Amino acid sequence: MDTPQTLPVLTDTELRVLGSLMEKSKITPDYYPMTINGLTAACNQKTARKPVVEYDEQTVALALDTLKRKGLVSTATGGSSRATKYKHNFGIVFPVVPSEVAVICLLILRGPQTPGEINTNSGRLYEFENLDEVTEMLEKLSGGDLPFIEQMPKRPGQKEVRYRHLLGGTVPEDDAYDEPQHRPSNNDLEERLSKLETDFAQLKEAFDKLMKELS
């Protein structure tokens, strides 16, 4: 399979579903591939998730459908269970090794992380030897022709840099501080457009009134 030239732009729901599959493939292999019921529970987990969500099975099913079309998820066959099960294909679509998948998975599920946080939180996904190995991995994932992550600007008073993934989705408000590359959400754009339309209407009304007075 040829490696895509660009990363897919995923929604928050797609990211949560993909990240949950990545995580459970490592920490609960006996229950992987996953049923939609188990995957929904994994998405709605209260721990190791940012933000915490409450998806229903239909929401997860729709995300699975779009992820399948993007080649990032496939269904598993065989076994005694008749229930459809799902697995991620991230390591097949992209040339990444398990340690790299672990880092990307953490950033998807927990949001931006420092190298120290990644080293602490990655234990069940992948056991790094030390912080230097994590740093080396982050440099590799943020470089090359197809970077998967990027370093974020430091916050005032912050000692460690943080990294985030480049697969799309919304950056939580408290993680978007002092971030010049943060893109406004659709809601932000709609509010700005609405304000511009209102301002334009008021200007036009004032202009028309002035023209009538002059004539």
Protein backbone atom coordinates (compact mmCIF):
# COMPACT_ATOMS: atom_id res chain seq x y z
CA MET A 1 0.00 0.00 0.00
CA ASP A 2 1.34 3.44 -0.95
CA THR A 3 1.71 5.89 1.92
CA PRO A 4 -0.64 8.91 1.56
CA GLN A 5 1.13 12.18 0.79
CA THR A 6 -0.94 14.08 3.36
CA LEU A 7 -2.59 13.28 6.67
CA PRO A 8 -6.37 12.94 6.81
CA VAL A 9 -8.30 15.74 8.50
CA LEU A 10 -10.46 14.00 11.08
CA THR A 11 -13.36 15.26 13.18
CA ASP A 12 -13.30 15.14 16.97
CA THR A 13 -15.58 12.07 16.90
CA GLU A 14 -13.43 10.26 14.34
CA LEU A 15 -10.33 11.01 16.41
CA ARG A 16 -11.91 9.68 19.60
CA VAL A 17 -13.00 6.46 17.86
CA LEU A 18 -9.62 5.95 16.16
CA GLY A 19 -7.67 6.78 19.33
CA SER A 20 -9.79 4.39 21.40
CA LEU A 21 -9.14 1.56 18.94
CA MET A 22 -5.40 2.33 19.02
CA GLU A 23 -5.39 2.27 22.82
CA LYS A 24 -7.48 -0.86 23.37
CA SER A 25 -5.49 -2.85 20.81
CA LYS A 26 -2.57 -2.58 23.25
CA ILE A 27 -4.02 -2.50 26.74
CA THR A 28 -6.95 -4.95 26.33
CA PRO A 29 -5.89 -7.24 23.46
CA ASP A 30 -8.32 -9.96 24.61
CA TYR A 31 -11.22 -7.65 23.71
CA TYR A 32 -9.75 -6.45 20.43
CA PRO A 33 -10.97 -6.10 17.66
CA MET A 34 -13.89 -4.31 19.34
CA THR A 35 -17.66 -4.47 19.09
CA ILE A 36 -19.47 -1.17 18.65
CA ASN A 37 -20.80 -1.52 22.19
CA GLY A 38 -17.31 -1.94 23.66
CA LEU A 39 -15.93 0.85 21.49
CA THR A 40 -18.66 3.26 22.59
CA ALA A 41 -17.78 2.54 26.23
CA ALA A 42 -14.10 3.12 25.42
CA CYS A 43 -14.89 6.48 23.79
CA ASN A 44 -16.95 7.56 26.82
CA GLN A 45 -14.31 6.51 29.35
CA LYS A 46 -13.90 9.04 32.16
CA THR A 47 -10.16 8.49 32.66
CA ALA A 48 -7.31 9.19 30.22
CA ARG A 49 -9.63 11.23 28.00
CA LYS A 50 -9.77 14.93 27.19
CA PRO A 51 -12.49 16.00 26.88
CA VAL A 52 -14.86 13.44 28.44
CA VAL A 53 -17.71 12.72 26.01
CA GLU A 54 -21.06 10.92 26.00
CA TYR A 55 -21.43 9.32 22.56
CA ASP A 56 -24.26 6.96 21.67
CA GLU A 57 -23.71 3.94 19.44
CA GLN A 58 -25.13 5.72 16.38
CA THR A 59 -22.54 8.49 16.73
CA VAL A 60 -19.75 5.92 16.95
CA ALA A 61 -21.18 3.95 14.01
CA LEU A 62 -21.20 7.06 11.79
CA ALA A 63 -17.58 7.80 12.71
CA LEU A 64 -16.61 4.20 11.99
CA ASP A 65 -18.24 4.45 8.58
CA THR A 66 -16.26 7.55 7.58
CA LEU A 67 -13.04 6.11 9.02
CA LYS A 68 -13.58 2.93 6.98
CA ARG A 69 -13.96 5.01 3.83
CA LYS A 70 -10.67 6.72 4.66
CA GLY A 71 -9.00 3.32 5.09
CA LEU A 72 -8.18 3.88 8.76
CA VAL A 73 -10.59 1.27 10.15
CA SER A 74 -11.70 -2.15 8.94
CA THR A 75 -14.05 -4.88 10.14
CA ALA A 76 -12.72 -8.14 11.52
CA THR A 77 -14.14 -11.51 10.50
CA GLY A 78 -13.93 -14.96 12.00
CA GLY A 79 -14.26 -16.21 15.56
CA SER A 80 -17.33 -17.48 17.36
CA SER A 81 -19.01 -14.09 17.84
CA ARG A 82 -21.53 -12.93 15.24
CA ALA A 83 -21.16 -9.28 16.26
CA THR A 84 -19.24 -7.07 13.84
CA LYS A 85 -15.90 -6.04 15.26
CA TYR A 86 -13.59 -3.20 14.30
CA LYS A 87 -9.84 -2.61 14.23
CA HIS A 88 -7.68 0.36 13.25
CA ASN A 89 -5.32 0.34 10.26
CA PHE A 90 -3.18 3.34 11.18
CA GLY A 91 0.03 1.33 11.27
CA ILE A 92 -0.84 -0.17 7.88
CA VAL A 93 -1.77 3.08 6.13
CA PHE A 94 1.21 4.99 7.53
CA PRO A 95 4.84 3.85 8.05
CA VAL A 96 4.80 4.03 11.86
CA VAL A 97 6.07 1.58 14.47
CA PRO A 98 4.28 0.69 17.75
CA SER A 99 6.17 3.28 19.81
CA GLU A 100 5.13 6.01 17.37
CA VAL A 101 1.52 4.82 17.34
CA ALA A 102 1.58 5.02 21.16
CA VAL A 103 2.66 8.68 21.09
CA ILE A 104 0.08 9.63 18.44
CA CYS A 105 -2.61 7.74 20.38
CA LEU A 106 -1.81 9.64 23.59
CA LEU A 107 -1.99 13.01 21.83
CA ILE A 108 -5.32 12.06 20.24
CA LEU A 109 -6.94 10.93 23.49
CA ARG A 110 -5.39 13.31 26.03
CA GLY A 111 -4.65 16.44 23.99
CA PRO A 112 -1.28 18.25 23.89
CA GLN A 113 1.39 16.70 26.12
CA THR A 114 4.91 17.49 27.26
CA PRO A 115 7.66 14.88 26.71
CA GLY A 116 7.54 14.17 30.46
CA GLU A 117 3.78 13.59 30.38
CA ILE A 118 4.14 11.29 27.39
CA ASN A 119 6.85 9.32 29.18
CA THR A 120 4.61 8.99 32.27
CA ASN A 121 1.33 8.25 30.48
CA SER A 122 2.57 5.86 27.79
CA GLY A 123 3.41 2.93 30.07
CA ARG A 124 0.45 0.69 29.17
CA LEU A 125 0.81 1.48 25.45
CA TYR A 126 4.60 1.36 25.12
CA GLU A 127 7.39 1.32 27.69
CA PHE A 128 10.00 3.92 26.75
CA GLU A 129 13.48 3.43 28.18
CA ASN A 130 13.83 7.06 29.29
CA LEU A 131 12.91 10.66 28.48
CA ASP A 132 15.65 10.90 25.84
CA GLU A 133 13.98 8.12 23.85
CA VAL A 134 10.66 10.00 24.03
CA THR A 135 12.32 13.22 22.85
CA GLU A 136 13.98 11.39 19.97
CA MET A 137 10.63 9.89 18.98
CA LEU A 138 8.93 13.32 19.08
CA GLU A 139 11.61 14.83 16.87
CA LYS A 140 11.16 12.01 14.36
CA LEU A 141 7.35 12.33 14.30
CA SER A 142 7.51 16.11 13.87
CA GLY A 143 10.04 15.99 11.02
CA GLY A 144 10.34 14.45 7.59
CA ASP A 145 8.10 14.82 4.55
CA LEU A 146 4.96 13.84 6.46
CA PRO A 147 5.02 15.14 10.06
CA PHE A 148 2.40 13.62 12.37
CA ILE A 149 2.84 16.04 15.26
CA GLU A 150 4.13 19.56 15.93
CA GLN A 151 5.67 21.46 18.82
CA MET A 152 3.38 24.10 20.32
CA PRO A 153 4.45 27.57 21.50
CA LYS A 154 5.37 27.71 25.17
CA ARG A 155 2.98 29.31 27.63
CA PRO A 156 4.36 32.08 29.87
CA GLY A 157 6.28 30.47 32.73
CA GLN A 158 6.13 27.04 31.15
CA LYS A 159 9.39 25.10 31.21
CA GLU A 160 8.59 22.12 29.00
CA VAL A 161 7.34 22.36 25.43
CA ARG A 162 4.18 20.52 24.47
CA TYR A 163 3.32 18.60 21.32
CA ARG A 164 0.04 18.03 19.54
CA HIS A 165 -1.03 15.77 16.67
CA LEU A 166 -1.76 17.08 13.16
CA LEU A 167 -4.80 14.95 12.35
CA GLY A 168 -7.36 17.73 12.74
CA GLY A 169 -10.00 18.11 15.42
CA THR A 170 -10.52 20.91 17.93
CA VAL A 171 -7.81 22.07 20.31
CA PRO A 172 -9.37 22.48 23.80
CA GLU A 173 -9.61 26.13 24.88
CA ASP A 174 -7.04 25.87 27.66
CA ASP A 175 -4.61 24.22 25.23
CA ALA A 176 -5.03 26.90 22.54
CA TYR A 177 -3.44 29.68 24.62
CA ASP A 178 -0.99 31.87 22.70
CA GLU A 179 -1.28 29.63 19.68
CA PRO A 180 -0.95 31.57 16.40
CA GLN A 181 -1.70 28.52 14.25
CA HIS A 182 -5.00 27.71 16.01
CA ARG A 183 -7.78 27.79 13.43
CA PRO A 184 -11.18 29.26 14.40
CA SER A 185 -14.05 26.82 14.68
CA ASN A 186 -17.09 26.88 12.39
CA ASN A 187 -19.09 28.51 15.21
CA ASP A 188 -16.50 31.30 15.50
CA LEU A 189 -16.63 31.90 11.74
CA GLU A 190 -20.43 31.92 11.71
CA GLU A 191 -20.54 34.47 14.53
CA ARG A 192 -18.04 36.71 12.75
CA LEU A 193 -19.96 36.46 9.49
CA SER A 194 -23.24 37.29 11.24
CA LYS A 195 -21.66 40.37 12.85
CA LEU A 196 -20.25 41.53 9.52
CA GLU A 197 -23.65 41.14 7.87
CA THR A 198 -25.30 43.16 10.66
CA ASP A 199 -22.64 45.89 10.44
CA PHE A 200 -23.02 46.04 6.66
CA ALA A 201 -26.82 46.35 6.92
CA GLN A 202 -26.47 49.22 9.40
CA LEU A 203 -23.94 51.01 7.19
CA LYS A 204 -26.18 50.60 4.13
CA GLU A 205 -29.16 51.98 6.06
CA ALA A 206 -27.15 55.00 7.20
CA PHE A 207 -25.83 55.54 3.66
CA ASP A 208 -29.33 55.38 2.13
CA LYS A 209 -30.63 57.85 4.72
CA LEU A 210 -27.77 60.25 4.00
CA MET A 211 -28.39 60.06 0.23
CA LYS A 212 -32.07 60.89 0.73
CA GLU A 213 -31.17 63.91 2.87
CA LEU A 214 -28.68 65.15 0.28
CA SER A 215 -31.15 64.81 -2.56
